[in-house]
C-alpha atoms as a PDB file:
ATOM      1  CA  MET A   1      66.169  59.605  70.529  1.00  0.00           C
ATOM      2  CA  ALA A   2      65.321  58.185  73.960  1.00  0.00           C
ATOM      3  CA  THR A   3      62.548  60.779  74.246  1.00  0.00           C
ATOM      4  CA  ASP A   4      60.998  59.568  70.963  1.00  0.00           C
ATOM      5  CA  GLU A   5      61.145  55.969  72.170  1.00  0.00           C
ATOM      6  CA  GLN A   6      59.587  56.980  75.493  1.00  0.00           C
ATOM      7  CA  SER A   7      56.748  58.828  73.761  1.00  0.00           C
ATOM      8  CA  LEU A   8      56.106  55.839  71.490  1.00  0.00           C
ATOM      9  CA  LEU A   9      55.987  53.599  74.540  1.00  0.00           C
ATOM     10  CA  GLY A  10      53.456  55.972  76.063  1.00  0.00           C
ATOM     11  CA  TYR A  11      51.405  55.753  72.869  1.00  0.00           C
ATOM     12  CA  ASP A  12      51.478  51.954  72.992  1.00  0.00           C
ATOM     13  CA  GLU A  13      50.195  51.993  76.572  1.00  0.00           C
ATOM     14  CA  ARG A  14      47.405  54.392  75.643  1.00  0.00           C
ATOM     15  CA  ILE A  15      46.419  52.356  72.593  1.00  0.00           C
ATOM     16  CA  ASN A  16      46.467  49.174  74.696  1.00  0.00           C
ATOM     17  CA  ALA A  17      44.084  50.903  77.114  1.00  0.00           C
ATOM     18  CA  VAL A  18      41.771  51.707  74.180  1.00  0.00           C
ATOM     19  CA  GLU A  19      41.895  48.120  72.925  1.00  0.00           C
ATOM     20  CA  ARG A  20      41.042  46.904  76.431  1.00  0.00           C
ATOM     21  CA  TYR A  21      38.165  49.394  76.605  1.00  0.00           C
ATOM     22  CA  ILE A  22      36.877  48.164  73.244  1.00  0.00           C
ATOM     23  CA  ARG A  23      36.934  44.525  74.396  1.00  0.00           C
ATOM     24  CA  GLU A  24      35.169  45.412  77.650  1.00  0.00           C
ATOM     25  CA  HIS A  25      32.497  47.537  75.908  1.00  0.00           C
ATOM     26  CA  ILE A  26      32.149  45.703  72.587  1.00  0.00           C
ATOM     27  CA  ASN A  27      28.372  45.346  73.021  1.00  0.00           C
ATOM     28  CA  GLU A  28      27.945  49.107  73.318  1.00  0.00           C
ATOM     29  CA  PRO A  29      28.173  51.851  70.719  1.00  0.00           C
ATOM     30  CA  LEU A  30      31.842  52.864  70.622  1.00  0.00           C
ATOM     31  CA  LYS A  31      32.164  56.533  69.801  1.00  0.00           C
ATOM     32  CA  ARG A  32      35.503  57.850  68.638  1.00  0.00           C
ATOM     33  CA  GLU A  33      35.251  60.812  71.051  1.00  0.00           C
ATOM     34  CA  VAL A  34      35.052  58.416  74.001  1.00  0.00           C
ATOM     35  CA  LEU A  35      37.891  56.249  72.665  1.00  0.00           C
ATOM     36  CA  ALA A  36      40.042  59.339  72.116  1.00  0.00           C
ATOM     37  CA  ALA A  37      39.333  60.398  75.707  1.00  0.00           C
ATOM     38  CA  VAL A  38      40.360  56.934  76.971  1.00  0.00           C
ATOM     39  CA  ALA A  39      43.670  57.437  75.160  1.00  0.00           C
ATOM     40  CA  GLY A  40      43.990  61.043  76.316  1.00  0.00           C
ATOM     41  CA  PHE A  41      44.186  62.413  72.768  1.00  0.00           C
ATOM     42  CA  SER A  42      42.137  64.743  70.622  1.00  0.00           C
ATOM     43  CA  VAL A  43      39.985  62.880  68.090  1.00  0.00           C
ATOM     44  CA  PRO A  44      42.176  63.692  65.048  1.00  0.00           C
ATOM     45  CA  HIS A  45      45.393  62.863  66.911  1.00  0.00           C
ATOM     46  CA  PHE A  46      43.853  59.658  68.269  1.00  0.00           C
ATOM     47  CA  HIS A  47      42.875  58.585  64.759  1.00  0.00           C
ATOM     48  CA  ARG A  48      46.430  59.105  63.462  1.00  0.00           C
ATOM     49  CA  ILE A  49      48.123  57.418  66.424  1.00  0.00           C
ATOM     50  CA  PHE A  50      45.705  54.477  66.543  1.00  0.00           C
ATOM     51  CA  THR A  51      46.104  53.812  62.832  1.00  0.00           C
ATOM     52  CA  ALA A  52      49.894  54.057  63.065  1.00  0.00           C
ATOM     53  CA  CYS A  53      50.131  51.745  66.090  1.00  0.00           C
ATOM     54  CA  VAL A  54      47.504  49.156  65.146  1.00  0.00           C
ATOM     55  CA  GLY A  55      47.760  49.213  61.358  1.00  0.00           C
ATOM     56  CA  GLU A  56      44.052  49.817  60.774  1.00  0.00           C
ATOM     57  CA  ASN A  57      41.713  52.684  61.536  1.00  0.00           C
ATOM     58  CA  ILE A  58      39.443  52.546  64.569  1.00  0.00           C
ATOM     59  CA  ALA A  59      36.243  51.733  62.629  1.00  0.00           C
ATOM     60  CA  THR A  60      37.924  48.833  60.807  1.00  0.00           C
ATOM     61  CA  HIS A  61      39.403  47.587  64.081  1.00  0.00           C
ATOM     62  CA  ILE A  62      36.044  47.599  65.886  1.00  0.00           C
ATOM     63  CA  ARG A  63      34.365  45.878  62.927  1.00  0.00           C
ATOM     64  CA  ARG A  64      37.090  43.198  62.916  1.00  0.00           C
ATOM     65  CA  VAL A  65      36.833  42.607  66.670  1.00  0.00           C
ATOM     66  CA  ARG A  66      33.057  42.273  66.395  1.00  0.00           C
ATOM     67  CA  LEU A  67      33.327  39.875  63.444  1.00  0.00           C
ATOM     68  CA  GLU A  68      35.870  37.757  65.345  1.00  0.00           C
ATOM     69  CA  ARG A  69      33.514  37.609  68.319  1.00  0.00           C
ATOM     70  CA  ALA A  70      30.652  36.667  65.981  1.00  0.00           C
ATOM     71  CA  GLY A  71      32.834  33.904  64.541  1.00  0.00           C
ATOM     72  CA  ARG A  72      33.534  32.563  68.028  1.00  0.00           C
ATOM     73  CA  LYS A  73      29.784  32.541  68.760  1.00  0.00           C
ATOM     74  CA  LEU A  74      29.147  30.669  65.520  1.00  0.00           C
ATOM     75  CA  ARG A  75      31.930  28.212  66.358  1.00  0.00           C
ATOM     76  CA  MET A  76      30.393  27.595  69.778  1.00  0.00           C
ATOM     77  CA  GLY A  77      27.086  26.704  68.145  1.00  0.00           C
ATOM     78  CA  ALA A  78      25.015  29.860  68.498  1.00  0.00           C
ATOM     79  CA  VAL A  79      21.839  29.164  66.573  1.00  0.00           C
ATOM     80  CA  ASP A  80      20.378  32.512  65.569  1.00  0.00           C
ATOM     81  CA  ILE A  81      22.592  34.207  62.994  1.00  0.00           C
ATOM     82  CA  THR A  82      20.364  37.300  62.986  1.00  0.00           C
ATOM     83  CA  GLU A  83      20.942  37.694  66.726  1.00  0.00           C
ATOM     84  CA  ILE A  84      24.693  37.346  66.179  1.00  0.00           C
ATOM     85  CA  ALA A  85      24.478  39.897  63.338  1.00  0.00           C
ATOM     86  CA  LEU A  86      22.702  42.446  65.542  1.00  0.00           C
ATOM     87  CA  ALA A  87      25.178  41.880  68.388  1.00  0.00           C
ATOM     88  CA  ALA A  88      28.010  42.501  65.908  1.00  0.00           C
ATOM     89  CA  GLY A  89      26.487  45.871  65.005  1.00  0.00           C
ATOM     90  CA  TYR A  90      24.854  44.962  61.691  1.00  0.00           C
ATOM     91  CA  ASP A  91      21.301  45.971  60.835  1.00  0.00           C
ATOM     92  CA  SER A  92      20.464  42.739  59.060  1.00  0.00           C
ATOM     93  CA  HIS A  93      21.441  39.135  58.550  1.00  0.00           C
ATOM     94  CA  ALA A  94      22.296  39.987  54.913  1.00  0.00           C
ATOM     95  CA  ALA A  95      24.670  42.848  55.799  1.00  0.00           C
ATOM     96  CA  PHE A  96      26.386  40.673  58.394  1.00  0.00           C
ATOM     97  CA  GLY A  97      26.667  37.747  55.976  1.00  0.00           C
ATOM     98  CA  LYS A  98      28.262  39.935  53.319  1.00  0.00           C
ATOM     99  CA  ALA A  99      30.800  41.410  55.776  1.00  0.00           C
ATOM    100  CA  PHE A 100      31.557  37.994  57.270  1.00  0.00           C
ATOM    101  CA  LYS A 101      32.117  36.434  53.855  1.00  0.00           C
ATOM    102  CA  ARG A 102      34.344  39.349  52.786  1.00  0.00           C
ATOM    103  CA  ARG A 103      36.437  38.886  55.947  1.00  0.00           C
ATOM    104  CA  TYR A 104      36.644  35.081  56.109  1.00  0.00           C
ATOM    105  CA  GLY A 105      35.745  33.875  52.614  1.00  0.00           C
ATOM    106  CA  LEU A 106      32.779  31.858  53.907  1.00  0.00           C
ATOM    107  CA  SER A 107      29.183  32.661  54.753  1.00  0.00           C
ATOM    108  CA  PRO A 108      28.271  32.365  58.446  1.00  0.00           C
ATOM    109  CA  SER A 109      26.376  29.141  57.654  1.00  0.00           C
ATOM    110  CA  GLU A 110      29.397  27.667  55.839  1.00  0.00           C
ATOM    111  CA  PHE A 111      31.671  28.773  58.672  1.00  0.00           C
ATOM    112  CA  ARG A 112      29.430  27.038  61.197  1.00  0.00           C
ATOM    113  CA  GLN A 113      29.936  23.749  59.321  1.00  0.00           C
ATOM    114  CA  LEU A 114      33.721  23.844  59.830  1.00  0.00           C
ATOM    115  CA  SER A 115      35.368  21.722  62.471  1.00  0.00           C
ATOM    116  CA  CYS A 116      36.216  23.592  65.645  1.00  0.00           C
ATOM    117  CA  SER A 117      39.942  23.566  64.855  1.00  0.00           C
ATOM    118  CA  ALA A 118      39.413  24.769  61.260  1.00  0.00           C
ATOM    119  CA  ALA A 119      37.136  27.574  62.455  1.00  0.00           C
ATOM    120  CA  THR A 120      39.615  28.593  65.141  1.00  0.00           C
ATOM    121  CA  GLN A 121      42.454  28.630  62.624  1.00  0.00           C
ATOM    122  CA  LEU A 122      40.419  30.780  60.225  1.00  0.00           C
ATOM    123  CA  LEU A 123      39.555  33.264  62.991  1.00  0.00           C
ATOM    124  CA  ARG A 124      43.215  33.559  63.981  1.00  0.00           C
ATOM    125  CA  LYS A 125      44.346  33.998  60.397  1.00  0.00           C
ATOM    126  CA  GLY A 126      41.568  36.375  59.368  1.00  0.00           C
END
């Protein structure tokens, strides 16, 4: 049993390293082969372990992290939503708006109208 716990702890450390890598390279394309290498796993094993440890697959996780960052930029008063959309990995303002609304229940423009505390609370909850 201790061996299982030790291996799970090792997985947590590896997944934490991947999450750190994602945060540090969020503006870059994040390929699953590179992320698997950061964790020291094969791609299929990485996918299974990441999903089990984090509770969402890697693509969903990256999308969520990018949307949260976009929300913080909106909250801080970034003016150009299209620029925010492109930085979040979306090809258009419309695609970004749809994903943002699906995640937070508000369009980026509506979100921008929230008070700072309400926006922060929504980002934490979302």
